[in-house]
């Protein structure tokens, strides 16, 4: 019977203690939720500030992008110009070579004719 009395006393003690523990837990839960809401508000403000700072960076980043595009275009133009110059030099070099060859052949032809003329 002492076990029955002990269990009865324990049940009565817990019937007094459990509501108090429940109220304390509810108070902690309310404080936790309040702190969570305040933290979320601060996070929202921080995100808004970060968004504003990113918007401020849009103009310089756009300028950098434009400069990069311009540099790429200048680089491509320089490549195209170099290829054009090399092509022209190659073509004109061949023309100059042909011209010199023709002059040389013409001079040899004149010398041959003079030799033939003086030789007669």
C-alpha atoms as a PDB file:
ATOM      1  CA  UNK A   1       0.000   0.000   0.000  1.00  0.00           C
ATOM      2  CA  UNK A   2       2.816   2.386   0.499  1.00  0.00           C
ATOM      3  CA  UNK A   3       3.419   2.282  -3.255  1.00  0.00           C
ATOM      4  CA  UNK A   4      -0.176   3.334  -3.858  1.00  0.00           C
ATOM      5  CA  UNK A   5       0.192   6.229  -1.429  1.00  0.00           C
ATOM      6  CA  UNK A   6       3.486   7.252  -3.034  1.00  0.00           C
ATOM      7  CA  UNK A   7       1.932   7.220  -6.515  1.00  0.00           C
ATOM      8  CA  UNK A   8      -1.071   9.173  -5.288  1.00  0.00           C
ATOM      9  CA  UNK A   9       1.146  11.794  -3.650  1.00  0.00           C
ATOM     10  CA  UNK A  10       3.307  11.965  -6.747  1.00  0.00           C
ATOM     11  CA  UNK A  11       0.253  12.411  -8.979  1.00  0.00           C
ATOM     12  CA  UNK A  12      -1.062  15.203  -6.779  1.00  0.00           C
ATOM     13  CA  UNK A  13       2.351  16.956  -6.741  1.00  0.00           C
ATOM     14  CA  UNK A  14       2.619  16.746 -10.521  1.00  0.00           C
ATOM     15  CA  UNK A  15      -0.909  18.050 -10.882  1.00  0.00           C
ATOM     16  CA  UNK A  16       0.311  21.222  -9.155  1.00  0.00           C
ATOM     17  CA  UNK A  17       3.731  21.412 -10.828  1.00  0.00           C
ATOM     18  CA  UNK A  18       2.790  20.607 -14.435  1.00  0.00           C
ATOM     19  CA  UNK A  19       0.593  23.655 -15.013  1.00  0.00           C
ATOM     20  CA  UNK A  20       3.335  25.877 -13.605  1.00  0.00           C
ATOM     21  CA  UNK A  21       5.953  24.228 -15.867  1.00  0.00           C
ATOM     22  CA  UNK A  22       3.533  24.587 -18.799  1.00  0.00           C
ATOM     23  CA  UNK A  23       3.118  28.335 -18.124  1.00  0.00           C
ATOM     24  CA  UNK A  24       6.910  28.763 -17.875  1.00  0.00           C
ATOM     25  CA  UNK A  25       7.389  26.867 -21.142  1.00  0.00           C
ATOM     26  CA  UNK A  26       4.699  28.998 -22.795  1.00  0.00           C
ATOM     27  CA  UNK A  27       6.426  32.182 -21.591  1.00  0.00           C
ATOM     28  CA  UNK A  28       9.765  30.976 -23.018  1.00  0.00           C
ATOM     29  CA  UNK A  29       8.039  30.078 -26.276  1.00  0.00           C
ATOM     30  CA  UNK A  30       6.507  33.561 -26.499  1.00  0.00           C
ATOM     31  CA  UNK A  31       9.893  35.208 -25.776  1.00  0.00           C
ATOM     32  CA  UNK A  32      11.555  32.981 -28.387  1.00  0.00           C
ATOM     33  CA  UNK A  33       8.949  33.869 -31.012  1.00  0.00           C
ATOM     34  CA  UNK A  34       9.286  37.582 -30.181  1.00  0.00           C
ATOM     35  CA  UNK A  35      13.076  37.381 -30.600  1.00  0.00           C
ATOM     36  CA  UNK A  36      12.620  35.428 -33.837  1.00  0.00           C
ATOM     37  CA  UNK A  37      10.283  38.108 -35.231  1.00  0.00           C
ATOM     38  CA  UNK A  38      12.750  40.885 -34.307  1.00  0.00           C
ATOM     39  CA  UNK A  39      15.592  38.958 -35.923  1.00  0.00           C
ATOM     40  CA  UNK A  40      13.566  38.468 -39.102  1.00  0.00           C
ATOM     41  CA  UNK A  41      12.841  42.212 -39.194  1.00  0.00           C
ATOM     42  CA  UNK A  42      16.576  42.931 -38.885  1.00  0.00           C
ATOM     43  CA  UNK A  43      17.327  40.416 -41.621  1.00  0.00           C
ATOM     44  CA  UNK A  44      14.741  42.115 -43.816  1.00  0.00           C
ATOM     45  CA  UNK A  45      16.368  45.513 -43.189  1.00  0.00           C
ATOM     46  CA  UNK A  46      19.799  44.056 -43.889  1.00  0.00           C
ATOM     47  CA  UNK A  47      18.581  42.534 -47.150  1.00  0.00           C
ATOM     48  CA  UNK A  48      17.023  45.860 -48.167  1.00  0.00           C
ATOM     49  CA  UNK A  49      20.300  47.648 -47.424  1.00  0.00           C
ATOM     50  CA  UNK A  50      22.257  45.039 -49.395  1.00  0.00           C
ATOM     51  CA  UNK A  51      19.821  45.391 -52.285  1.00  0.00           C
ATOM     52  CA  UNK A  52      20.281  49.186 -52.263  1.00  0.00           C
ATOM     53  CA  UNK A  53      24.069  48.767 -52.283  1.00  0.00           C
ATOM     54  CA  UNK A  54      23.828  46.332 -55.194  1.00  0.00           C
ATOM     55  CA  UNK A  55      21.694  48.813 -57.106  1.00  0.00           C
ATOM     56  CA  UNK A  56      24.403  51.430 -56.542  1.00  0.00           C
ATOM     57  CA  UNK A  57      26.936  49.020 -58.057  1.00  0.00           C
ATOM     58  CA  UNK A  58      24.865  48.498 -61.211  1.00  0.00           C
ATOM     59  CA  UNK A  59      26.114  51.698 -62.895  1.00  0.00           C
ATOM     60  CA  UNK A  60      29.858  51.039 -62.353  1.00  0.00           C
ATOM     61  CA  UNK A  61      29.407  47.406 -63.374  1.00  0.00           C
ATOM     62  CA  UNK A  62      27.592  48.494 -66.527  1.00  0.00           C
ATOM     63  CA  UNK A  63      30.467  50.881 -67.277  1.00  0.00           C
ATOM     64  CA  UNK A  64      32.983  48.075 -66.760  1.00  0.00           C
ATOM     65  CA  UNK A  65      30.939  45.849 -69.054  1.00  0.00           C
ATOM     66  CA  UNK A  66      30.887  48.561 -71.731  1.00  0.00           C
ATOM     67  CA  UNK A  67      34.647  49.045 -71.407  1.00  0.00           C
ATOM     68  CA  UNK A  68      35.168  45.301 -71.718  1.00  0.00           C
ATOM     69  CA  UNK A  69      33.006  45.222 -74.841  1.00  0.00           C
ATOM     70  CA  UNK A  70      34.946  48.152 -76.316  1.00  0.00           C
ATOM     71  CA  UNK A  71      38.274  46.456 -75.569  1.00  0.00           C
ATOM     72  CA  UNK A  72      37.013  43.283 -77.248  1.00  0.00           C
ATOM     73  CA  UNK A  73      35.927  45.277 -80.309  1.00  0.00           C
ATOM     74  CA  UNK A  74      39.289  47.091 -80.496  1.00  0.00           C
ATOM     75  CA  UNK A  75      41.090  43.764 -80.167  1.00  0.00           C
ATOM     76  CA  UNK A  76      39.008  42.252 -82.964  1.00  0.00           C
ATOM     77  CA  UNK A  77      39.585  45.325 -85.152  1.00  0.00           C
ATOM     78  CA  UNK A  78      43.338  45.097 -84.542  1.00  0.00           C
ATOM     79  CA  UNK A  79      43.294  41.424 -85.513  1.00  0.00           C
ATOM     80  CA  UNK A  80      41.309  42.188 -88.658  1.00  0.00           C
ATOM     81  CA  UNK A  81      43.667  45.047 -89.557  1.00  0.00           C
ATOM     82  CA  UNK A  82      46.724  42.848 -89.040  1.00  0.00           C
ATOM     83  CA  UNK A  83      45.278  40.097 -91.224  1.00  0.00           C
ATOM     84  CA  UNK A  84      44.410  42.695 -93.872  1.00  0.00           C
ATOM     85  CA  UNK A  85      47.920  44.190 -93.787  1.00  0.00           C
ATOM     86  CA  UNK A  86      49.534  40.766 -93.997  1.00  0.00           C
ATOM     87  CA  UNK A  87      47.273  39.809 -96.882  1.00  0.00           C
ATOM     88  CA  UNK A  88      48.086  43.053 -98.707  1.00  0.00           C
ATOM     89  CA  UNK A  89      51.813  42.621 -98.069  1.00  0.00           C
ATOM     90  CA  UNK A  90      51.684  39.081 -99.359  1.00  0.00           C
ATOM     91  CA  UNK A  91      49.786  40.102-102.466  1.00  0.00           C
ATOM     92  CA  UNK A  92      51.887  43.217-103.084  1.00  0.00           C
ATOM     93  CA  UNK A  93      55.071  41.300-102.343  1.00  0.00           C
ATOM     94  CA  UNK A  94      54.179  38.874-105.086  1.00  0.00           C
ATOM     95  CA  UNK A  95      53.391  41.806-107.415  1.00  0.00           C
ATOM     96  CA  UNK A  96      56.727  43.465-106.574  1.00  0.00           C
ATOM     97  CA  UNK A  97      58.542  40.193-107.152  1.00  0.00           C
ATOM     98  CA  UNK A  98      56.833  39.804-110.531  1.00  0.00           C
ATOM     99  CA  UNK A  99      57.652  43.432-111.429  1.00  0.00           C
ATOM    100  CA  UNK A 100      61.341  42.982-110.548  1.00  0.00           C
ATOM    101  CA  UNK A 101      61.390  39.704-112.441  1.00  0.00           C
ATOM    102  CA  UNK A 102      59.884  41.426-115.474  1.00  0.00           C
ATOM    103  CA  UNK A 103      62.444  44.256-115.236  1.00  0.00           C
ATOM    104  CA  UNK A 104      65.254  41.743-114.950  1.00  0.00           C
ATOM    105  CA  UNK A 105      63.929  39.769-117.909  1.00  0.00           C
ATOM    106  CA  UNK A 106      63.503  42.966-119.917  1.00  0.00           C
ATOM    107  CA  UNK A 107      67.083  44.056-119.120  1.00  0.00           C
ATOM    108  CA  UNK A 108      68.403  40.622-120.065  1.00  0.00           C
ATOM    109  CA  UNK A 109      66.356  40.765-123.237  1.00  0.00           C
ATOM    110  CA  UNK A 110      67.823  44.199-124.117  1.00  0.00           C
ATOM    111  CA  UNK A 111      71.364  42.988-123.374  1.00  0.00           C
ATOM    112  CA  UNK A 112      70.778  39.916-125.526  1.00  0.00           C
ATOM    113  CA  UNK A 113      69.484  42.062-128.359  1.00  0.00           C
ATOM    114  CA  UNK A 114      72.469  44.424-128.016  1.00  0.00           C
ATOM    115  CA  UNK A 115      74.817  41.467-128.049  1.00  0.00           C
ATOM    116  CA  UNK A 116      73.111  40.184-131.126  1.00  0.00           C
ATOM    117  CA  UNK A 117      73.209  43.615-132.746  1.00  0.00           C
ATOM    118  CA  UNK A 118      76.886  44.223-131.937  1.00  0.00           C
ATOM    119  CA  UNK A 119      77.737  40.702-132.807  1.00  0.00           C
ATOM    120  CA  UNK A 120      76.503  41.028-136.396  1.00  0.00           C
END
